[in-house]
Amino acid sequence: MPQISSIAYQPRDRHYDDPLSDFIRVPVEAATLVADHGLDGDQKAGHNKTRQVNLLSAEWLAARAAEGYRAAPGQFGEQMIVEGLAVETLPPGTLLAFGPTAILSITKGRTGCERLQAVQPRPTTGLGPIGVLARVVMGGPIRVGDAVAVLEPAGERTA
């Protein structure tokens, strides 16, 4: 069964000295997702409705590590790594359940940016989707090891 293998975020009190420096991500065992906001305490939370959480699959990340990319948790700018589910293949509108109550909705595939290219030793262009971006539909506590379940796409719910 798919599960959360990593949670990392940028604390509000940590700032970049150089906007193209390494991603500041602190790994945590547990966090709280806040509806229409993101990860509680994350500096990036609440700024953009379609970019509240960055998700990567552990398998995609392992393939990049084998190709020589830096792939420790947070080094691709992601906030959560999901093991056992190719999140980069999920279409927008797909709902994902995390832990006991949290639900995220995939908003779009994530592409690289200038900062990502600056911190990686190899070109990031041509990698395809670098995970997905999601919106927090329903908040709640999450922990490393929590189950992740794919729910039906938002536009295809039945009564």
N, C-alpha and C. Protein backbone atom coordinates (compact mmCIF):
# COMPACT_ATOMS: atom_id res chain seq x y z
N MET A 1 0.84 -1.17 0.00
CA MET A 1 0.00 0.00 0.00
C MET A 1 0.89 1.24 0.00
N PRO A 2 0.54 2.25 -0.80
CA PRO A 2 1.33 3.49 -0.82
C PRO A 2 1.35 4.15 0.56
N GLN A 3 2.47 4.81 0.84
CA GLN A 3 2.61 5.49 2.12
C GLN A 3 3.53 6.70 2.02
N ILE A 4 3.44 7.57 3.01
CA ILE A 4 4.33 8.73 3.09
C ILE A 4 5.69 8.25 3.55
N SER A 5 6.74 8.53 2.77
CA SER A 5 8.08 8.13 3.20
C SER A 5 8.92 9.32 3.66
N SER A 6 8.46 10.54 3.40
CA SER A 6 9.19 11.72 3.86
C SER A 6 8.25 12.93 3.91
N ILE A 7 8.44 13.75 4.94
CA ILE A 7 7.79 15.05 5.04
C ILE A 7 8.90 16.05 5.33
N ALA A 8 8.96 17.12 4.56
CA ALA A 8 9.97 18.16 4.79
C ALA A 8 9.36 19.51 4.44
N TYR A 9 9.76 20.54 5.15
CA TYR A 9 9.22 21.87 4.85
C TYR A 9 10.25 22.93 5.18
N GLN A 10 9.97 24.16 4.74
CA GLN A 10 10.84 25.30 5.01
C GLN A 10 10.24 26.09 6.16
N PRO A 11 10.85 26.02 7.34
CA PRO A 11 10.31 26.75 8.49
C PRO A 11 10.27 28.26 8.21
N ARG A 12 9.29 28.91 8.80
CA ARG A 12 9.11 30.35 8.58
C ARG A 12 10.32 31.17 9.03
N ASP A 13 11.09 30.67 9.99
CA ASP A 13 12.23 31.44 10.49
C ASP A 13 13.53 31.19 9.72
N ARG A 14 13.49 30.38 8.68
CA ARG A 14 14.68 30.10 7.85
C ARG A 14 14.49 30.75 6.50
N HIS A 15 15.45 31.59 6.12
CA HIS A 15 15.37 32.33 4.86
C HIS A 15 16.61 32.07 4.01
N TYR A 16 16.44 32.19 2.71
CA TYR A 16 17.54 32.03 1.78
C TYR A 16 18.39 33.29 1.77
N ASP A 17 19.71 33.14 1.94
CA ASP A 17 20.61 34.28 1.75
C ASP A 17 20.78 34.55 0.26
N ASP A 18 20.78 33.47 -0.50
CA ASP A 18 20.92 33.54 -1.95
C ASP A 18 19.69 32.87 -2.55
N PRO A 19 18.90 33.61 -3.36
CA PRO A 19 17.67 33.02 -3.90
C PRO A 19 17.91 31.80 -4.78
N LEU A 20 19.14 31.58 -5.23
CA LEU A 20 19.43 30.39 -6.05
C LEU A 20 20.24 29.36 -5.26
N SER A 21 20.23 29.48 -3.94
CA SER A 21 20.97 28.52 -3.12
C SER A 21 20.15 27.24 -2.96
N ASP A 22 20.73 26.30 -2.25
CA ASP A 22 20.08 25.01 -2.00
C ASP A 22 18.70 25.21 -1.36
N PHE A 23 17.80 24.26 -1.60
CA PHE A 23 16.49 24.30 -0.97
C PHE A 23 16.66 24.14 0.54
N ILE A 24 15.99 24.95 1.31
CA ILE A 24 15.97 24.77 2.77
C ILE A 24 14.75 23.92 3.08
N ARG A 25 14.98 22.70 3.47
CA ARG A 25 13.89 21.81 3.85
C ARG A 25 14.33 21.07 5.11
N VAL A 26 13.49 21.07 6.10
CA VAL A 26 13.76 20.38 7.36
C VAL A 26 12.88 19.14 7.40
N PRO A 27 13.49 17.96 7.55
CA PRO A 27 12.67 16.74 7.63
C PRO A 27 11.98 16.65 9.00
N VAL A 28 10.73 16.20 8.97
CA VAL A 28 9.97 16.00 10.20
C VAL A 28 9.27 14.64 10.12
N GLU A 29 8.97 14.08 11.26
CA GLU A 29 8.24 12.81 11.32
C GLU A 29 6.74 13.00 11.20
N ALA A 30 6.27 14.19 11.61
CA ALA A 30 4.83 14.45 11.60
C ALA A 30 4.60 15.93 11.30
N ALA A 31 3.44 16.23 10.73
CA ALA A 31 3.08 17.61 10.42
C ALA A 31 1.56 17.68 10.35
N THR A 32 1.07 18.90 10.17
CA THR A 32 -0.36 19.10 10.01
C THR A 32 -0.62 19.80 8.69
N LEU A 33 -1.51 19.22 7.88
CA LEU A 33 -1.95 19.87 6.66
C LEU A 33 -3.15 20.75 7.00
N VAL A 34 -3.14 21.98 6.50
CA VAL A 34 -4.20 22.95 6.78
C VAL A 34 -4.97 23.18 5.48
N ALA A 35 -6.29 23.02 5.52
CA ALA A 35 -7.13 23.18 4.33
C ALA A 35 -6.91 24.55 3.68
N ASP A 36 -6.80 24.54 2.35
CA ASP A 36 -6.60 25.75 1.54
C ASP A 36 -5.39 26.56 1.96
N HIS A 37 -4.38 25.90 2.53
CA HIS A 37 -3.19 26.60 3.01
C HIS A 37 -1.91 25.84 2.68
N GLY A 38 -1.78 24.61 3.19
CA GLY A 38 -0.56 23.83 3.00
C GLY A 38 -0.12 23.23 4.31
N LEU A 39 1.21 23.01 4.44
CA LEU A 39 1.76 22.45 5.67
C LEU A 39 1.86 23.55 6.73
N ASP A 40 1.33 23.27 7.90
CA ASP A 40 1.39 24.23 9.00
C ASP A 40 2.85 24.55 9.32
N GLY A 41 3.18 25.83 9.38
CA GLY A 41 4.54 26.26 9.70
C GLY A 41 5.46 26.41 8.51
N ASP A 42 5.00 26.01 7.32
CA ASP A 42 5.84 26.08 6.11
C ASP A 42 5.81 27.51 5.56
N GLN A 43 6.99 28.05 5.30
CA GLN A 43 7.10 29.39 4.76
C GLN A 43 6.37 29.57 3.44
N LYS A 44 6.26 28.52 2.64
CA LYS A 44 5.61 28.62 1.33
C LYS A 44 4.09 28.45 1.40
N ALA A 45 3.59 28.04 2.55
CA ALA A 45 2.15 27.77 2.68
C ALA A 45 1.33 29.05 2.57
N GLY A 46 0.16 28.92 1.93
CA GLY A 46 -0.80 30.00 1.86
C GLY A 46 -0.56 31.04 0.78
N HIS A 47 0.48 30.87 -0.02
CA HIS A 47 0.80 31.88 -1.04
C HIS A 47 0.12 31.64 -2.38
N ASN A 48 -0.22 30.39 -2.68
CA ASN A 48 -0.77 30.07 -3.99
C ASN A 48 -1.74 28.88 -3.85
N LYS A 49 -2.98 29.04 -4.26
CA LYS A 49 -3.98 27.98 -4.10
C LYS A 49 -3.66 26.70 -4.86
N THR A 50 -2.89 26.81 -5.95
CA THR A 50 -2.59 25.61 -6.74
C THR A 50 -1.24 24.99 -6.39
N ARG A 51 -0.47 25.64 -5.53
CA ARG A 51 0.88 25.16 -5.20
C ARG A 51 1.06 25.02 -3.69
N GLN A 52 0.11 24.41 -3.01
CA GLN A 52 0.18 24.32 -1.56
C GLN A 52 1.11 23.22 -1.08
N VAL A 53 1.20 22.12 -1.83
CA VAL A 53 2.07 21.00 -1.45
C VAL A 53 2.71 20.43 -2.71
N ASN A 54 4.03 20.20 -2.64
CA ASN A 54 4.76 19.54 -3.73
C ASN A 54 4.95 18.07 -3.35
N LEU A 55 4.54 17.17 -4.26
CA LEU A 55 4.65 15.73 -4.01
C LEU A 55 5.55 15.08 -5.05
N LEU A 56 6.39 14.16 -4.60
CA LEU A 56 7.21 13.33 -5.49
C LEU A 56 7.02 11.88 -5.11
N SER A 57 7.24 10.99 -6.06
CA SER A 57 7.21 9.56 -5.73
C SER A 57 8.63 9.12 -5.39
N ALA A 58 8.73 8.21 -4.42
CA ALA A 58 10.02 7.68 -4.00
C ALA A 58 10.72 6.98 -5.16
N GLU A 59 9.95 6.31 -5.99
CA GLU A 59 10.54 5.57 -7.10
C GLU A 59 11.12 6.52 -8.16
N TRP A 60 10.42 7.62 -8.46
CA TRP A 60 10.92 8.64 -9.40
C TRP A 60 12.21 9.22 -8.85
N LEU A 61 12.22 9.52 -7.56
CA LEU A 61 13.39 10.10 -6.92
C LEU A 61 14.58 9.14 -6.92
N ALA A 62 14.33 7.85 -6.70
CA ALA A 62 15.40 6.85 -6.73
C ALA A 62 16.01 6.76 -8.12
N ALA A 63 15.18 6.84 -9.16
CA ALA A 63 15.70 6.82 -10.53
C ALA A 63 16.58 8.04 -10.80
N ARG A 64 16.20 9.21 -10.27
CA ARG A 64 17.02 10.41 -10.45
C ARG A 64 18.34 10.28 -9.69
N ALA A 65 18.31 9.69 -8.50
CA ALA A 65 19.54 9.48 -7.73
C ALA A 65 20.50 8.59 -8.50
N ALA A 66 19.98 7.55 -9.15
CA ALA A 66 20.82 6.65 -9.95
C ALA A 66 21.44 7.35 -11.15
N GLU A 67 20.81 8.44 -11.59
CA GLU A 67 21.32 9.23 -12.71
C GLU A 67 22.28 10.33 -12.27
N GLY A 68 22.54 10.44 -10.97
CA GLY A 68 23.49 11.41 -10.47
C GLY A 68 22.91 12.69 -9.90
N TYR A 69 21.58 12.75 -9.75
CA TYR A 69 20.96 13.94 -9.15
C TYR A 69 21.03 13.84 -7.63
N ARG A 70 21.00 14.99 -6.99
CA ARG A 70 20.90 15.05 -5.53
C ARG A 70 19.44 14.71 -5.19
N ALA A 71 19.23 13.68 -4.38
CA ALA A 71 17.87 13.19 -4.18
C ALA A 71 17.51 12.91 -2.73
N ALA A 72 18.23 13.50 -1.80
CA ALA A 72 17.84 13.36 -0.39
C ALA A 72 16.51 14.11 -0.20
N PRO A 73 15.74 13.79 0.83
CA PRO A 73 14.47 14.47 1.03
C PRO A 73 14.61 16.00 0.99
N GLY A 74 13.76 16.62 0.18
CA GLY A 74 13.74 18.07 0.04
C GLY A 74 14.65 18.64 -1.02
N GLN A 75 15.55 17.84 -1.59
CA GLN A 75 16.52 18.39 -2.55
C GLN A 75 15.94 18.63 -3.94
N PHE A 76 14.74 18.18 -4.19
CA PHE A 76 14.03 18.56 -5.41
C PHE A 76 12.94 19.58 -5.07
N GLY A 77 13.00 20.14 -3.87
CA GLY A 77 12.04 21.16 -3.46
C GLY A 77 10.71 20.60 -3.00
N GLU A 78 10.60 19.29 -2.91
CA GLU A 78 9.33 18.67 -2.53
C GLU A 78 9.12 18.75 -1.02
N GLN A 79 7.85 18.66 -0.65
CA GLN A 79 7.49 18.64 0.76
C GLN A 79 7.11 17.23 1.23
N MET A 80 6.60 16.42 0.31
CA MET A 80 6.28 15.04 0.69
C MET A 80 6.74 14.08 -0.39
N ILE A 81 7.24 12.93 0.06
CA ILE A 81 7.60 11.84 -0.83
C ILE A 81 6.65 10.69 -0.52
N VAL A 82 6.05 10.15 -1.58
CA VAL A 82 5.11 9.04 -1.45
C VAL A 82 5.77 7.80 -2.06
N GLU A 83 5.80 6.74 -1.30
CA GLU A 83 6.35 5.47 -1.76
C GLU A 83 5.22 4.57 -2.24
N GLY A 84 5.43 3.92 -3.40
CA GLY A 84 4.44 2.96 -3.89
C GLY A 84 3.36 3.54 -4.77
N LEU A 85 3.50 4.80 -5.17
CA LEU A 85 2.49 5.44 -6.02
C LEU A 85 3.20 6.46 -6.93
N ALA A 86 3.05 6.29 -8.22
CA ALA A 86 3.67 7.20 -9.19
C ALA A 86 2.83 8.47 -9.27
N VAL A 87 2.99 9.37 -8.30
CA VAL A 87 2.16 10.57 -8.25
C VAL A 87 2.30 11.43 -9.50
N GLU A 88 3.45 11.37 -10.15
CA GLU A 88 3.68 12.19 -11.34
C GLU A 88 2.79 11.78 -12.52
N THR A 89 2.13 10.63 -12.44
CA THR A 89 1.25 10.17 -13.51
C THR A 89 -0.23 10.49 -13.25
N LEU A 90 -0.53 11.04 -12.08
CA LEU A 90 -1.92 11.30 -11.72
C LEU A 90 -2.42 12.59 -12.37
N PRO A 91 -3.62 12.57 -12.94
CA PRO A 91 -4.15 13.78 -13.60
C PRO A 91 -4.68 14.79 -12.58
N PRO A 92 -4.72 16.07 -12.99
CA PRO A 92 -5.33 17.09 -12.14
C PRO A 92 -6.76 16.68 -11.76
N GLY A 93 -7.12 16.98 -10.53
CA GLY A 93 -8.45 16.62 -10.03
C GLY A 93 -8.45 15.34 -9.23
N THR A 94 -7.39 14.53 -9.34
CA THR A 94 -7.32 13.31 -8.55
C THR A 94 -7.22 13.67 -7.08
N LEU A 95 -8.01 12.99 -6.27
CA LEU A 95 -7.97 13.21 -4.83
C LEU A 95 -7.14 12.12 -4.18
N LEU A 96 -6.31 12.52 -3.22
CA LEU A 96 -5.47 11.59 -2.47
C LEU A 96 -5.77 11.75 -0.99
N ALA A 97 -5.97 10.63 -0.30
CA ALA A 97 -6.18 10.64 1.14
C ALA A 97 -4.85 10.35 1.83
N PHE A 98 -4.50 11.16 2.82
CA PHE A 98 -3.26 11.02 3.59
C PHE A 98 -3.61 10.86 5.05
N GLY A 99 -3.12 9.79 5.67
CA GLY A 99 -3.36 9.60 7.09
C GLY A 99 -4.84 9.48 7.39
N PRO A 100 -5.22 9.83 8.63
CA PRO A 100 -6.60 9.59 9.06
C PRO A 100 -7.65 10.52 8.44
N THR A 101 -7.29 11.78 8.07
CA THR A 101 -8.33 12.70 7.62
C THR A 101 -7.96 13.60 6.45
N ALA A 102 -6.68 13.77 6.15
CA ALA A 102 -6.27 14.77 5.15
C ALA A 102 -6.58 14.31 3.72
N ILE A 103 -7.01 15.26 2.89
CA ILE A 103 -7.27 14.99 1.47
C ILE A 103 -6.63 16.11 0.65
N LEU A 104 -5.85 15.71 -0.35
CA LEU A 104 -5.24 16.65 -1.28
C LEU A 104 -5.82 16.43 -2.66
N SER A 105 -5.90 17.49 -3.45
CA SER A 105 -6.35 17.42 -4.83
C SER A 105 -5.19 17.83 -5.73
N ILE A 106 -4.82 16.95 -6.67
CA ILE A 106 -3.75 17.27 -7.61
C ILE A 106 -4.21 18.44 -8.48
N THR A 107 -3.38 19.49 -8.57
CA THR A 107 -3.73 20.64 -9.39
C THR A 107 -3.02 20.64 -10.73
N LYS A 108 -1.75 20.19 -10.75
CA LYS A 108 -1.00 20.14 -12.01
C LYS A 108 0.33 19.46 -11.79
N GLY A 109 0.94 19.05 -12.91
CA GLY A 109 2.29 18.51 -12.86
C GLY A 109 3.26 19.62 -12.52
N ARG A 110 4.31 19.28 -11.83
CA ARG A 110 5.32 20.26 -11.43
C ARG A 110 6.47 20.23 -12.43
N THR A 111 6.91 21.40 -12.83
CA THR A 111 8.07 21.51 -13.72
C THR A 111 9.22 22.12 -12.94
N GLY A 112 10.38 22.10 -13.53
CA GLY A 112 11.55 22.66 -12.88
C GLY A 112 11.51 24.17 -12.84
N CYS A 113 12.42 24.75 -12.09
CA CYS A 113 12.55 26.19 -11.98
C CYS A 113 14.04 26.53 -11.92
N GLU A 114 14.32 27.81 -11.91
CA GLU A 114 15.70 28.28 -11.88
C GLU A 114 16.44 27.79 -10.63
N ARG A 115 15.76 27.84 -9.49
CA ARG A 115 16.40 27.39 -8.24
C ARG A 115 16.71 25.90 -8.30
N LEU A 116 15.77 25.10 -8.79
CA LEU A 116 16.01 23.66 -8.88
C LEU A 116 17.21 23.38 -9.76
N GLN A 117 17.29 24.04 -10.90
CA GLN A 117 18.44 23.83 -11.79
C GLN A 117 19.74 24.24 -11.10
N ALA A 118 19.71 25.32 -10.32
CA ALA A 118 20.92 25.82 -9.67
C ALA A 118 21.46 24.86 -8.61
N VAL A 119 20.58 24.08 -7.97
CA VAL A 119 21.03 23.21 -6.88
C VAL A 119 21.31 21.78 -7.32
N GLN A 120 20.97 21.45 -8.55
CA GLN A 120 21.20 20.10 -9.05
C GLN A 120 22.47 20.06 -9.91
N PRO A 121 23.20 18.96 -9.86
CA PRO A 121 24.45 18.87 -10.62
C PRO A 121 24.26 18.57 -12.10
N ARG A 122 23.05 18.22 -12.49
CA ARG A 122 22.74 17.88 -13.87
C ARG A 122 21.54 18.69 -14.33
N PRO A 123 21.37 18.85 -15.65
CA PRO A 123 20.22 19.60 -16.15
C PRO A 123 18.90 18.96 -15.73
N THR A 124 17.95 19.81 -15.35
CA THR A 124 16.63 19.30 -14.95
C THR A 124 15.62 19.42 -16.09
N THR A 125 15.98 20.10 -17.17
CA THR A 125 15.09 20.16 -18.32
C THR A 125 15.04 18.77 -18.95
N GLY A 126 13.90 18.38 -19.42
CA GLY A 126 13.75 17.07 -20.04
C GLY A 126 13.41 15.95 -19.07
N LEU A 127 13.25 16.26 -17.79
CA LEU A 127 12.89 15.22 -16.82
C LEU A 127 11.40 14.90 -16.83
N GLY A 128 10.62 15.71 -17.56
CA GLY A 128 9.17 15.51 -17.54
C GLY A 128 8.61 16.09 -16.27
N PRO A 129 7.43 15.65 -15.86
CA PRO A 129 6.88 16.18 -14.61
C PRO A 129 7.78 15.82 -13.43
N ILE A 130 8.08 16.80 -12.62
CA ILE A 130 8.89 16.60 -11.41
C ILE A 130 7.90 16.52 -10.25
N GLY A 131 7.16 15.43 -10.22
CA GLY A 131 6.11 15.27 -9.23
C GLY A 131 4.88 16.06 -9.62
N VAL A 132 4.08 16.38 -8.61
CA VAL A 132 2.84 17.13 -8.82
C VAL A 132 2.67 18.17 -7.73
N LEU A 133 1.84 19.14 -8.04
CA LEU A 133 1.44 20.16 -7.07
C LEU A 133 0.01 19.84 -6.64
N ALA A 134 -0.30 20.15 -5.40
CA ALA A 134 -1.62 19.81 -4.88
C ALA A 134 -2.14 20.91 -3.96
N ARG A 135 -3.45 20.91 -3.82
CA ARG A 135 -4.17 21.80 -2.91
C ARG A 135 -4.72 20.95 -1.76
N VAL A 136 -4.68 21.49 -0.55
CA VAL A 136 -5.22 20.78 0.60
C VAL A 136 -6.73 21.02 0.68
N VAL A 137 -7.49 19.97 0.41
CA VAL A 137 -8.96 20.04 0.43
C VAL A 137 -9.46 19.90 1.86
N MET A 138 -8.89 18.95 2.58
CA MET A 138 -9.26 18.72 3.98
C MET A 138 -7.97 18.53 4.77
N GLY A 139 -7.81 19.29 5.83
CA GLY A 139 -6.60 19.22 6.63
C GLY A 139 -6.61 18.07 7.61
N GLY A 140 -5.50 17.95 8.30
CA GLY A 140 -5.39 16.93 9.34
C GLY A 140 -3.94 16.56 9.57
N PRO A 141 -3.71 15.77 10.60
CA PRO A 141 -2.34 15.35 10.92
C PRO A 141 -1.85 14.28 9.94
N ILE A 142 -0.56 14.33 9.64
CA ILE A 142 0.07 13.30 8.81
C ILE A 142 1.38 12.90 9.47
N ARG A 143 1.80 11.67 9.20
CA ARG A 143 3.06 11.15 9.74
C ARG A 143 3.77 10.33 8.67
N VAL A 144 5.09 10.28 8.76
CA VAL A 144 5.84 9.36 7.92
C VAL A 144 5.33 7.96 8.22
N GLY A 145 5.04 7.19 7.19
CA GLY A 145 4.49 5.84 7.34
C GLY A 145 2.99 5.77 7.18
N ASP A 146 2.31 6.94 7.19
CA ASP A 146 0.86 6.95 6.99
C ASP A 146 0.51 6.44 5.59
N ALA A 147 -0.63 5.77 5.51
CA ALA A 147 -1.12 5.28 4.23
C ALA A 147 -1.56 6.44 3.35
N VAL A 148 -1.41 6.23 2.03
CA VAL A 148 -1.87 7.17 1.01
C VAL A 148 -2.81 6.39 0.11
N ALA A 149 -4.00 6.91 -0.12
CA ALA A 149 -4.97 6.22 -0.97
C ALA A 149 -5.43 7.14 -2.08
N VAL A 150 -5.55 6.59 -3.29
CA VAL A 150 -6.08 7.35 -4.41
C VAL A 150 -7.59 7.25 -4.36
N LEU A 151 -8.23 8.41 -4.36
CA LEU A 151 -9.68 8.48 -4.43
C LEU A 151 -10.04 8.80 -5.88
N GLU A 152 -11.29 8.72 -6.24
CA GLU A 152 -11.68 9.00 -7.61
C GLU A 152 -11.40 10.45 -7.98
N PRO A 153 -11.15 10.74 -9.26
CA PRO A 153 -10.96 12.13 -9.65
C PRO A 153 -12.14 12.99 -9.24
N ALA A 154 -11.87 14.23 -8.84
CA ALA A 154 -12.89 15.13 -8.31
C ALA A 154 -14.09 15.28 -9.24
N GLY A 155 -13.88 15.32 -10.54
CA GLY A 155 -14.96 15.53 -11.50
C GLY A 155 -15.78 14.30 -11.78
N GLU A 156 -15.42 13.15 -11.21
CA GLU A 156 -16.11 11.90 -11.52
C GLU A 156 -16.81 11.28 -10.33
N ARG A 157 -17.09 12.06 -9.30
CA ARG A 157 -17.79 11.50 -8.15
C ARG A 157 -19.22 11.16 -8.51
N THR A 158 -19.70 10.12 -7.89
CA THR A 158 -21.10 9.72 -8.10
C THR A 158 -21.87 9.99 -6.81
N ALA A 159 -23.15 10.19 -6.92
CA ALA A 159 -23.97 10.50 -5.75
C ALA A 159 -24.26 9.24 -4.96
